Amino acid sequence: MRPLLCLLSLLLAACISTPSTKVKTPDSRPSLAVTGAPEGSQLFVDGKQMGEAAVYDGRPRVLLIEAGTHLVDVRDKAGRVLFEQTVFVESETKTIQVQ
């Protein structure tokens, strides 16, 4: 009985310690970078607030978006539009220069 119990314990331990593999697929969506945005200004894409515009400066952070045409605007703290542009992105990083 004891040898059988040892064998079962060994088999159970072997099942638990089997190697596993994780496959990570890189995100291939296009991205948006914003340069020259004033501190505290907010980035909007298609009317949705994405956060502080200066965060997505492309060094290293960018905003991943779906391919296609998007309305991009940057607003100051009071909500006034500082910059607005319709952009088309396909598979690259599109850099927006706020002036």
PDB file of N, CA and C in Angstrom:
ATOM      1  N   MET A   1       0.812  -1.181   0.000  1.00  0.00           N
ATOM      2  CA  MET A   1       0.000   0.000   0.000  1.00  0.00           C
ATOM      3  C   MET A   1       0.866   1.260   0.000  1.00  0.00           C
ATOM      4  N   ARG A   2       1.911   1.223   0.804  1.00  0.00           N
ATOM      5  CA  ARG A   2       2.792   2.383   0.907  1.00  0.00           C
ATOM      6  C   ARG A   2       3.494   2.680  -0.427  1.00  0.00           C
ATOM      7  N   PRO A   3       4.010   1.658  -1.166  1.00  0.00           N
ATOM      8  CA  PRO A   3       4.626   1.952  -2.461  1.00  0.00           C
ATOM      9  C   PRO A   3       3.617   2.567  -3.439  1.00  0.00           C
ATOM     10  N   LEU A   4       2.385   2.133  -3.383  1.00  0.00           N
ATOM     11  CA  LEU A   4       1.358   2.686  -4.268  1.00  0.00           C
ATOM     12  C   LEU A   4       1.096   4.151  -3.926  1.00  0.00           C
ATOM     13  N   LEU A   5       1.042   4.469  -2.656  1.00  0.00           N
ATOM     14  CA  LEU A   5       0.840   5.837  -2.206  1.00  0.00           C
ATOM     15  C   LEU A   5       2.005   6.721  -2.647  1.00  0.00           C
ATOM     16  N   CYS A   6       3.210   6.229  -2.552  1.00  0.00           N
ATOM     17  CA  CYS A   6       4.401   6.977  -2.998  1.00  0.00           C
ATOM     18  C   CYS A   6       4.344   7.219  -4.504  1.00  0.00           C
ATOM     19  N   LEU A   7       3.929   6.226  -5.253  1.00  0.00           N
ATOM     20  CA  LEU A   7       3.835   6.346  -6.703  1.00  0.00           C
ATOM     21  C   LEU A   7       2.785   7.390  -7.084  1.00  0.00           C
ATOM     22  N   LEU A   8       1.637   7.358  -6.434  1.00  0.00           N
ATOM     23  CA  LEU A   8       0.591   8.340  -6.706  1.00  0.00           C
ATOM     24  C   LEU A   8       1.051   9.752  -6.354  1.00  0.00           C
ATOM     25  N   SER A   9       1.755   9.901  -5.243  1.00  0.00           N
ATOM     26  CA  SER A   9       2.286  11.208  -4.845  1.00  0.00           C
ATOM     27  C   SER A   9       3.279  11.724  -5.873  1.00  0.00           C
ATOM     28  N   LEU A  10       4.120  10.842  -6.376  1.00  0.00           N
ATOM     29  CA  LEU A  10       5.112  11.210  -7.385  1.00  0.00           C
ATOM     30  C   LEU A  10       4.440  11.644  -8.681  1.00  0.00           C
ATOM     31  N   LEU A  11       3.425  10.902  -9.100  1.00  0.00           N
ATOM     32  CA  LEU A  11       2.685  11.247 -10.321  1.00  0.00           C
ATOM     33  C   LEU A  11       1.965  12.585 -10.173  1.00  0.00           C
ATOM     34  N   LEU A  12       1.369  12.826  -9.025  1.00  0.00           N
ATOM     35  CA  LEU A  12       0.682  14.084  -8.773  1.00  0.00           C
ATOM     36  C   LEU A  12       1.668  15.253  -8.797  1.00  0.00           C
ATOM     37  N   ALA A  13       2.812  15.067  -8.199  1.00  0.00           N
ATOM     38  CA  ALA A  13       3.843  16.112  -8.192  1.00  0.00           C
ATOM     39  C   ALA A  13       4.331  16.394  -9.614  1.00  0.00           C
ATOM     40  N   ALA A  14       4.428  15.373 -10.436  1.00  0.00           N
ATOM     41  CA  ALA A  14       4.870  15.552 -11.820  1.00  0.00           C
ATOM     42  C   ALA A  14       3.839  16.339 -12.617  1.00  0.00           C
ATOM     43  N   CYS A  15       2.566  16.125 -12.350  1.00  0.00           N
ATOM     44  CA  CYS A  15       1.513  16.844 -13.061  1.00  0.00           C
ATOM     45  C   CYS A  15       1.507  18.325 -12.703  1.00  0.00           C
ATOM     46  N   ILE A  16       1.764  18.625 -11.472  1.00  0.00           N
ATOM     47  CA  ILE A  16       1.732  20.012 -11.015  1.00  0.00           C
ATOM     48  C   ILE A  16       2.920  20.800 -11.555  1.00  0.00           C
ATOM     49  N   SER A  17       4.040  20.164 -11.724  1.00  0.00           N
ATOM     50  CA  SER A  17       5.255  20.894 -12.101  1.00  0.00           C
ATOM     51  C   SER A  17       5.564  20.836 -13.597  1.00  0.00           C
ATOM     52  N   THR A  18       4.548  20.604 -14.426  1.00  0.00           N
ATOM     53  CA  THR A  18       4.813  20.570 -15.862  1.00  0.00           C
ATOM     54  C   THR A  18       5.101  21.986 -16.364  1.00  0.00           C
ATOM     55  N   PRO A  19       5.973  22.117 -17.354  1.00  0.00           N
ATOM     56  CA  PRO A  19       6.297  23.450 -17.864  1.00  0.00           C
ATOM     57  C   PRO A  19       5.105  24.049 -18.601  1.00  0.00           C
ATOM     58  N   SER A  20       5.036  25.365 -18.589  1.00  0.00           N
ATOM     59  CA  SER A  20       3.965  26.047 -19.320  1.00  0.00           C
ATOM     60  C   SER A  20       4.584  27.122 -20.207  1.00  0.00           C
ATOM     61  N   THR A  21       3.896  27.436 -21.261  1.00  0.00           N
ATOM     62  CA  THR A  21       4.369  28.434 -22.210  1.00  0.00           C
ATOM     63  C   THR A  21       3.319  29.514 -22.361  1.00  0.00           C
ATOM     64  N   LYS A  22       3.749  30.773 -22.333  1.00  0.00           N
ATOM     65  CA  LYS A  22       2.857  31.901 -22.553  1.00  0.00           C
ATOM     66  C   LYS A  22       3.264  32.562 -23.861  1.00  0.00           C
ATOM     67  N   VAL A  23       2.285  32.791 -24.702  1.00  0.00           N
ATOM     68  CA  VAL A  23       2.538  33.459 -25.973  1.00  0.00           C
ATOM     69  C   VAL A  23       1.915  34.844 -25.889  1.00  0.00           C
ATOM     70  N   LYS A  24       2.717  35.872 -26.104  1.00  0.00           N
ATOM     71  CA  LYS A  24       2.219  37.242 -26.083  1.00  0.00           C
ATOM     72  C   LYS A  24       2.270  37.790 -27.495  1.00  0.00           C
ATOM     73  N   THR A  25       1.139  38.260 -27.962  1.00  0.00           N
ATOM     74  CA  THR A  25       1.061  38.847 -29.286  1.00  0.00           C
ATOM     75  C   THR A  25       1.136  40.364 -29.136  1.00  0.00           C
ATOM     76  N   PRO A  26       2.055  41.006 -29.833  1.00  0.00           N
ATOM     77  CA  PRO A  26       2.150  42.464 -29.712  1.00  0.00           C
ATOM     78  C   PRO A  26       0.906  43.131 -30.287  1.00  0.00           C
ATOM     79  N   ASP A  27       0.534  44.255 -29.694  1.00  0.00           N
ATOM     80  CA  ASP A  27      -0.629  44.998 -30.169  1.00  0.00           C
ATOM     81  C   ASP A  27      -0.222  45.768 -31.419  1.00  0.00           C
ATOM     82  N   SER A  28      -0.856  45.479 -32.526  1.00  0.00           N
ATOM     83  CA  SER A  28      -0.457  46.088 -33.797  1.00  0.00           C
ATOM     84  C   SER A  28      -1.371  47.233 -34.206  1.00  0.00           C
ATOM     85  N   ARG A  29      -2.201  47.722 -33.277  1.00  0.00           N
ATOM     86  CA  ARG A  29      -3.067  48.851 -33.603  1.00  0.00           C
ATOM     87  C   ARG A  29      -2.236  50.107 -33.839  1.00  0.00           C
ATOM     88  N   PRO A  30      -2.729  51.010 -34.667  1.00  0.00           N
ATOM     89  CA  PRO A  30      -2.033  52.280 -34.847  1.00  0.00           C
ATOM     90  C   PRO A  30      -2.083  53.085 -33.547  1.00  0.00           C
ATOM     91  N   SER A  31      -1.263  54.115 -33.474  1.00  0.00           N
ATOM     92  CA  SER A  31      -1.209  54.905 -32.252  1.00  0.00           C
ATOM     93  C   SER A  31      -1.145  56.391 -32.571  1.00  0.00           C
ATOM     94  N   LEU A  32      -1.374  57.174 -31.539  1.00  0.00           N
ATOM     95  CA  LEU A  32      -1.404  58.620 -31.651  1.00  0.00           C
ATOM     96  C   LEU A  32      -0.451  59.195 -30.615  1.00  0.00           C
ATOM     97  N   ALA A  33       0.392  60.139 -31.045  1.00  0.00           N
ATOM     98  CA  ALA A  33       1.285  60.857 -30.139  1.00  0.00           C
ATOM     99  C   ALA A  33       0.966  62.340 -30.254  1.00  0.00           C
ATOM    100  N   VAL A  34       1.085  63.067 -29.154  1.00  0.00           N
ATOM    101  CA  VAL A  34       0.772  64.492 -29.125  1.00  0.00           C
ATOM    102  C   VAL A  34       1.990  65.239 -28.602  1.00  0.00           C
ATOM    103  N   THR A  35       2.483  66.190 -29.384  1.00  0.00           N
ATOM    104  CA  THR A  35       3.608  67.008 -28.932  1.00  0.00           C
ATOM    105  C   THR A  35       3.167  68.466 -28.846  1.00  0.00           C
ATOM    106  N   GLY A  36       3.774  69.205 -27.941  1.00  0.00           N
ATOM    107  CA  GLY A  36       3.494  70.633 -27.803  1.00  0.00           C
ATOM    108  C   GLY A  36       2.220  70.960 -27.048  1.00  0.00           C
ATOM    109  N   ALA A  37       1.615  69.988 -26.409  1.00  0.00           N
ATOM    110  CA  ALA A  37       0.373  70.247 -25.661  1.00  0.00           C
ATOM    111  C   ALA A  37       0.707  70.932 -24.339  1.00  0.00           C
ATOM    112  N   PRO A  38      -0.027  71.998 -23.997  1.00  0.00           N
ATOM    113  CA  PRO A  38       0.221  72.672 -22.723  1.00  0.00           C
ATOM    114  C   PRO A  38      -0.061  71.756 -21.537  1.00  0.00           C
ATOM    115  N   GLU A  39       0.635  71.981 -20.456  1.00  0.00           N
ATOM    116  CA  GLU A  39       0.441  71.178 -19.256  1.00  0.00           C
ATOM    117  C   GLU A  39      -0.994  71.334 -18.757  1.00  0.00           C
ATOM    118  N   GLY A  40      -1.611  70.217 -18.431  1.00  0.00           N
ATOM    119  CA  GLY A  40      -2.972  70.225 -17.923  1.00  0.00           C
ATOM    120  C   GLY A  40      -4.041  70.134 -18.999  1.00  0.00           C
ATOM    121  N   SER A  41      -3.654  70.253 -20.267  1.00  0.00           N
ATOM    122  CA  SER A  41      -4.648  70.147 -21.339  1.00  0.00           C
ATOM    123  C   SER A  41      -5.080  68.696 -21.499  1.00  0.00           C
ATOM    124  N   GLN A  42      -6.296  68.496 -22.007  1.00  0.00           N
ATOM    125  CA  GLN A  42      -6.882  67.171 -22.133  1.00  0.00           C
ATOM    126  C   GLN A  42      -7.000  66.774 -23.599  1.00  0.00           C
ATOM    127  N   LEU A  43      -6.777  65.498 -23.860  1.00  0.00           N
ATOM    128  CA  LEU A  43      -6.877  64.945 -25.209  1.00  0.00           C
ATOM    129  C   LEU A  43      -8.232  64.272 -25.367  1.00  0.00           C
ATOM    130  N   PHE A  44      -8.906  64.581 -26.482  1.00  0.00           N
ATOM    131  CA  PHE A  44     -10.179  63.965 -26.823  1.00  0.00           C
ATOM    132  C   PHE A  44     -10.049  63.315 -28.189  1.00  0.00           C
ATOM    133  N   VAL A  45     -10.570  62.123 -28.321  1.00  0.00           N
ATOM    134  CA  VAL A  45     -10.607  61.419 -29.603  1.00  0.00           C
ATOM    135  C   VAL A  45     -12.059  61.036 -29.846  1.00  0.00           C
ATOM    136  N   ASP A  46     -12.606  61.537 -30.936  1.00  0.00           N
ATOM    137  CA  ASP A  46     -14.005  61.285 -31.286  1.00  0.00           C
ATOM    138  C   ASP A  46     -14.943  61.656 -30.141  1.00  0.00           C
ATOM    139  N   GLY A  47     -14.626  62.755 -29.453  1.00  0.00           N
ATOM    140  CA  GLY A  47     -15.480  63.255 -28.375  1.00  0.00           C
ATOM    141  C   GLY A  47     -15.290  62.589 -27.035  1.00  0.00           C
ATOM    142  N   LYS A  48     -14.407  61.606 -26.955  1.00  0.00           N
ATOM    143  CA  LYS A  48     -14.175  60.893 -25.693  1.00  0.00           C
ATOM    144  C   LYS A  48     -12.863  61.360 -25.073  1.00  0.00           C
ATOM    145  N   GLN A  49     -12.913  61.701 -23.787  1.00  0.00           N
ATOM    146  CA  GLN A  49     -11.726  62.172 -23.089  1.00  0.00           C
ATOM    147  C   GLN A  49     -10.763  61.012 -22.847  1.00  0.00           C
ATOM    148  N   MET A  50      -9.492  61.203 -23.251  1.00  0.00           N
ATOM    149  CA  MET A  50      -8.476  60.163 -23.124  1.00  0.00           C
ATOM    150  C   MET A  50      -7.481  60.434 -21.998  1.00  0.00           C
ATOM    151  N   GLY A  51      -7.540  61.630 -21.413  1.00  0.00           N
ATOM    152  CA  GLY A  51      -6.608  61.969 -20.349  1.00  0.00           C
ATOM    153  C   GLY A  51      -5.762  63.160 -20.726  1.00  0.00           C
ATOM    154  N   GLU A  52      -4.748  63.399 -19.929  1.00  0.00           N
ATOM    155  CA  GLU A  52      -3.878  64.554 -20.150  1.00  0.00           C
ATOM    156  C   GLU A  52      -3.085  64.370 -21.448  1.00  0.00           C
ATOM    157  N   ALA A  53      -3.144  65.373 -22.314  1.00  0.00           N
ATOM    158  CA  ALA A  53      -2.535  65.279 -23.643  1.00  0.00           C
ATOM    159  C   ALA A  53      -1.024  65.104 -23.571  1.00  0.00           C
ATOM    160  N   ALA A  54      -0.369  65.795 -22.650  1.00  0.00           N
ATOM    161  CA  ALA A  54       1.096  65.750 -22.563  1.00  0.00           C
ATOM    162  C   ALA A  54       1.617  64.358 -22.215  1.00  0.00           C
ATOM    163  N   VAL A  55       0.792  63.507 -21.639  1.00  0.00           N
ATOM    164  CA  VAL A  55       1.216  62.146 -21.280  1.00  0.00           C
ATOM    165  C   VAL A  55       1.543  61.344 -22.544  1.00  0.00           C
ATOM    166  N   TYR A  56       0.818  61.596 -23.620  1.00  0.00           N
ATOM    167  CA  TYR A  56       0.986  60.833 -24.863  1.00  0.00           C
ATOM    168  C   TYR A  56       1.982  61.530 -25.794  1.00  0.00           C
ATOM    169  N   ASP A  57       3.158  61.827 -25.282  1.00  0.00           N
ATOM    170  CA  ASP A  57       4.158  62.576 -26.048  1.00  0.00           C
ATOM    171  C   ASP A  57       4.995  61.707 -26.989  1.00  0.00           C
ATOM    172  N   GLY A  58       4.750  60.407 -26.992  1.00  0.00           N
ATOM    173  CA  GLY A  58       5.511  59.509 -27.865  1.00  0.00           C
ATOM    174  C   GLY A  58       6.825  59.056 -27.273  1.00  0.00           C
ATOM    175  N   ARG A  59       7.176  59.509 -26.079  1.00  0.00           N
ATOM    176  CA  ARG A  59       8.435  59.149 -25.434  1.00  0.00           C
ATOM    177  C   ARG A  59       8.180  58.592 -24.051  1.00  0.00           C
ATOM    178  N   PRO A  60       7.815  57.440 -23.789  1.00  0.00           N
ATOM    179  CA  PRO A  60       7.503  56.344 -24.692  1.00  0.00           C
ATOM    180  C   PRO A  60       6.011  56.159 -24.918  1.00  0.00           C
ATOM    181  N   ARG A  61       5.159  56.899 -24.177  1.00  0.00           N
ATOM    182  CA  ARG A  61       3.718  56.602 -24.236  1.00  0.00           C
ATOM    183  C   ARG A  61       3.044  57.166 -25.470  1.00  0.00           C
ATOM    184  N   VAL A  62       2.204  56.342 -26.044  1.00  0.00           N
ATOM    185  CA  VAL A  62       1.333  56.724 -27.148  1.00  0.00           C
ATOM    186  C   VAL A  62      -0.063  56.194 -26.830  1.00  0.00           C
ATOM    187  N   LEU A  63      -1.055  56.720 -27.520  1.00  0.00           N
ATOM    188  CA  LEU A  63      -2.429  56.260 -27.333  1.00  0.00           C
ATOM    189  C   LEU A  63      -2.760  55.298 -28.456  1.00  0.00           C
ATOM    190  N   LEU A  64      -3.064  54.050 -28.107  1.00  0.00           N
ATOM    191  CA  LEU A  64      -3.459  53.063 -29.112  1.00  0.00           C
ATOM    192  C   LEU A  64      -4.892  53.334 -29.524  1.00  0.00           C
ATOM    193  N   ILE A  65      -5.131  53.400 -30.834  1.00  0.00           N
ATOM    194  CA  ILE A  65      -6.471  53.653 -31.355  1.00  0.00           C
ATOM    195  C   ILE A  65      -6.758  52.668 -32.485  1.00  0.00           C
ATOM    196  N   GLU A  66      -7.992  52.588 -32.871  1.00  0.00           N
ATOM    197  CA  GLU A  66      -8.378  51.728 -33.986  1.00  0.00           C
ATOM    198  C   GLU A  66      -8.044  52.432 -35.298  1.00  0.00           C
ATOM    199  N   ALA A  67      -7.748  51.669 -36.319  1.00  0.00           N
ATOM    200  CA  ALA A  67      -7.478  52.239 -37.641  1.00  0.00           C
ATOM    201  C   ALA A  67      -8.721  52.957 -38.154  1.00  0.00           C
ATOM    202  N   GLY A  68      -8.490  54.048 -38.882  1.00  0.00           N
ATOM    203  CA  GLY A  68      -9.610  54.783 -39.457  1.00  0.00           C
ATOM    204  C   GLY A  68      -9.455  56.270 -39.260  1.00  0.00           C
ATOM    205  N   THR A  69     -10.551  56.987 -39.482  1.00  0.00           N
ATOM    206  CA  THR A  69     -10.581  58.441 -39.364  1.00  0.00           C
ATOM    207  C   THR A  69     -11.105  58.826 -37.993  1.00  0.00           C
ATOM    208  N   HIS A  70     -10.415  59.760 -37.342  1.00  0.00           N
ATOM    209  CA  HIS A  70     -10.784  60.193 -35.993  1.00  0.00           C
ATOM    210  C   HIS A  70     -10.702  61.708 -35.886  1.00  0.00           C
ATOM    211  N   LEU A  71     -11.598  62.282 -35.086  1.00  0.00           N
ATOM    212  CA  LEU A  71     -11.534  63.701 -34.749  1.00  0.00           C
ATOM    213  C   LEU A  71     -10.744  63.819 -33.455  1.00  0.00           C
ATOM    214  N   VAL A  72      -9.629  64.518 -33.526  1.00  0.00           N
ATOM    215  CA  VAL A  72      -8.743  64.677 -32.372  1.00  0.00           C
ATOM    216  C   VAL A  72      -8.762  66.139 -31.951  1.00  0.00           C
ATOM    217  N   ASP A  73      -9.000  66.376 -30.669  1.00  0.00           N
ATOM    218  CA  ASP A  73      -8.875  67.752 -30.190  1.00  0.00           C
ATOM    219  C   ASP A  73      -8.225  67.778 -28.827  1.00  0.00           C
ATOM    220  N   VAL A  74      -7.591  68.923 -28.559  1.00  0.00           N
ATOM    221  CA  VAL A  74      -6.920  69.177 -27.287  1.00  0.00           C
ATOM    222  C   VAL A  74      -7.606  70.387 -26.681  1.00  0.00           C
ATOM    223  N   ARG A  75      -8.013  70.254 -25.417  1.00  0.00           N
ATOM    224  CA  ARG A  75      -8.738  71.331 -24.732  1.00  0.00           C
ATOM    225  C   ARG A  75      -7.975  71.749 -23.484  1.00  0.00           C
ATOM    226  N   ASP A  76      -8.055  73.063 -23.186  1.00  0.00           N
ATOM    227  CA  ASP A  76      -7.409  73.552 -21.970  1.00  0.00           C
ATOM    228  C   ASP A  76      -8.253  73.197 -20.751  1.00  0.00           C
ATOM    229  N   LYS A  77      -7.807  73.616 -19.575  1.00  0.00           N
ATOM    230  CA  LYS A  77      -8.476  73.262 -18.321  1.00  0.00           C
ATOM    231  C   LYS A  77      -9.908  73.790 -18.265  1.00  0.00           C
ATOM    232  N   ALA A  78     -10.169  74.905 -18.969  1.00  0.00           N
ATOM    233  CA  ALA A  78     -11.511  75.495 -18.983  1.00  0.00           C
ATOM    234  C   ALA A  78     -12.419  74.835 -20.026  1.00  0.00           C
ATOM    235  N   GLY A  79     -11.873  73.917 -20.817  1.00  0.00           N
ATOM    236  CA  GLY A  79     -12.668  73.229 -21.821  1.00  0.00           C
ATOM    237  C   GLY A  79     -12.647  73.864 -23.199  1.00  0.00           C
ATOM    238  N   ARG A  80     -11.855  74.937 -23.371  1.00  0.00           N
ATOM    239  CA  ARG A  80     -11.748  75.583 -24.683  1.00  0.00           C
ATOM    240  C   ARG A  80     -10.866  74.745 -25.606  1.00  0.00           C
ATOM    241  N   VAL A  81     -11.286  74.640 -26.855  1.00  0.00           N
ATOM    242  CA  VAL A  81     -10.534  73.860 -27.838  1.00  0.00           C
ATOM    243  C   VAL A  81      -9.291  74.649 -28.254  1.00  0.00           C
ATOM    244  N   LEU A  82      -8.118  74.042 -28.021  1.00  0.00           N
ATOM    245  CA  LEU A  82      -6.845  74.649 -28.411  1.00  0.00           C
ATOM    246  C   LEU A  82      -6.397  74.158 -29.782  1.00  0.00           C
ATOM    247  N   PHE A  83      -6.798  72.944 -30.099  1.00  0.00           N
ATOM    248  CA  PHE A  83      -6.366  72.305 -31.343  1.00  0.00           C
ATOM    249  C   PHE A  83      -7.430  71.298 -31.738  1.00  0.00           C
ATOM    250  N   GLU A  84      -7.720  71.253 -33.040  1.00  0.00           N
ATOM    251  CA  GLU A  84      -8.678  70.258 -33.528  1.00  0.00           C
ATOM    252  C   GLU A  84      -8.265  69.845 -34.929  1.00  0.00           C
ATOM    253  N   GLN A  85      -8.277  68.542 -35.180  1.00  0.00           N
ATOM    254  CA  GLN A  85      -7.887  68.031 -36.496  1.00  0.00           C
ATOM    255  C   GLN A  85      -8.525  66.666 -36.718  1.00  0.00           C
ATOM    256  N   THR A  86      -8.943  66.430 -37.945  1.00  0.00           N
ATOM    257  CA  THR A  86      -9.405  65.104 -38.340  1.00  0.00           C
ATOM    258  C   THR A  86      -8.201  64.372 -38.911  1.00  0.00           C
ATOM    259  N   VAL A  87      -7.912  63.182 -38.379  1.00  0.00           N
ATOM    260  CA  VAL A  87      -6.736  62.421 -38.810  1.00  0.00           C
ATOM    261  C   VAL A  87      -7.161  61.039 -39.278  1.00  0.00           C
ATOM    262  N   PHE A  88      -6.403  60.501 -40.202  1.00  0.00           N
ATOM    263  CA  PHE A  88      -6.591  59.124 -40.647  1.00  0.00           C
ATOM    264  C   PHE A  88      -5.348  58.356 -40.251  1.00  0.00           C
ATOM    265  N   VAL A  89      -5.530  57.267 -39.523  1.00  0.00           N
ATOM    266  CA  VAL A  89      -4.409  56.409 -39.134  1.00  0.00           C
ATOM    267  C   VAL A  89      -4.695  55.006 -39.635  1.00  0.00           C
ATOM    268  N   GLU A  90      -3.636  54.359 -40.119  1.00  0.00           N
ATOM    269  CA  GLU A  90      -3.815  53.011 -40.664  1.00  0.00           C
ATOM    270  C   GLU A  90      -3.014  51.980 -39.894  1.00  0.00           C
ATOM    271  N   SER A  91      -1.700  52.145 -39.841  1.00  0.00           N
ATOM    272  CA  SER A  91      -0.888  51.138 -39.167  1.00  0.00           C
ATOM    273  C   SER A  91       0.381  51.743 -38.548  1.00  0.00           C
ATOM    274  N   GLU A  92       0.387  53.031 -38.385  1.00  0.00           N
ATOM    275  CA  GLU A  92       1.592  53.703 -37.925  1.00  0.00           C
ATOM    276  C   GLU A  92       1.270  54.554 -36.699  1.00  0.00           C
ATOM    277  N   THR A  93       2.283  55.254 -36.195  1.00  0.00           N
ATOM    278  CA  THR A  93       2.060  56.239 -35.143  1.00  0.00           C
ATOM    279  C   THR A  93       1.899  57.595 -35.812  1.00  0.00           C
ATOM    280  N   LYS A  94       0.768  58.203 -35.572  1.00  0.00           N
ATOM    281  CA  LYS A  94       0.484  59.537 -36.097  1.00  0.00           C
ATOM    282  C   LYS A  94       0.817  60.530 -35.018  1.00  0.00           C
ATOM    283  N   THR A  95       1.699  61.506 -35.327  1.00  0.00           N
ATOM    284  CA  THR A  95       2.085  62.519 -34.353  1.00  0.00           C
ATOM    285  C   THR A  95       1.343  63.812 -34.639  1.00  0.00           C
ATOM    286  N   ILE A  96       0.663  64.327 -33.634  1.00  0.00           N
ATOM    287  CA  ILE A  96      -0.075  65.580 -33.715  1.00  0.00           C
ATOM    288  C   ILE A  96       0.756  66.653 -33.050  1.00  0.00           C
ATOM    289  N   GLN A  97       0.984  67.768 -33.737  1.00  0.00           N
ATOM    290  CA  GLN A  97       1.740  68.895 -33.182  1.00  0.00           C
ATOM    291  C   GLN A  97       0.733  69.991 -32.795  1.00  0.00           C
ATOM    292  N   VAL A  98       0.586  70.227 -31.503  1.00  0.00           N
ATOM    293  CA  VAL A  98      -0.308  71.287 -31.007  1.00  0.00           C
ATOM    294  C   VAL A  98       0.462  72.588 -31.059  1.00  0.00           C
ATOM    295  N   GLN A  99      -0.120  73.582 -31.699  1.00  0.00           N
ATOM    296  CA  GLN A  99       0.571  74.892 -31.824  1.00  0.00           C
ATOM    297  C   GLN A  99      -0.202  75.970 -31.133  1.00  0.00           C
TER     298      GLN A  99
END
